[in-house]
Amino acid sequence: MAILNGGIGRFEAVSNTAYSLPTGGENVYVELDYRSTLPVTIGVIANRPSGIIQQPTATLYPKDEWSHAYINLVTEVSGFPDAYDYQIFIGTAKDSTGKIDTILIDNMRMIYCP
């Protein structure tokens, strides 16, 4: 859960786990349940020998009710085949309205065939 009060304009969380994922065009999904008062971007961080690249994949729109999402990461993961591993990030930015916003994420998991 992330609570963004009026003084917080950006939020980002990165997975603690770095995943070794298939890069030959195989489907790789993030599955999650979410509820949010802001748009939330999900993406991939490719840890490459030449540096780190952060690639947004999809934006989930605000939902008052819990919603379920599958996000296919095949393009982002296959686009960086030289990466030694990948992490998942979740991020958002908000305007300065001063209201409190929340992001709730549950049951997040990676789905792929090794």
Foldseek 3Di string as FASTA:
>chain_A
DDKDFLVDFKDKDKDPDWADDDQPQFWKKKKWKKAWPAKKWKWKWFAAPVGIDTDTFDIDGHDHDIDIDITTHRCVRNVCVRGRTMMMMMMDGDDNPRHMIDMDIPDIDMDGDD
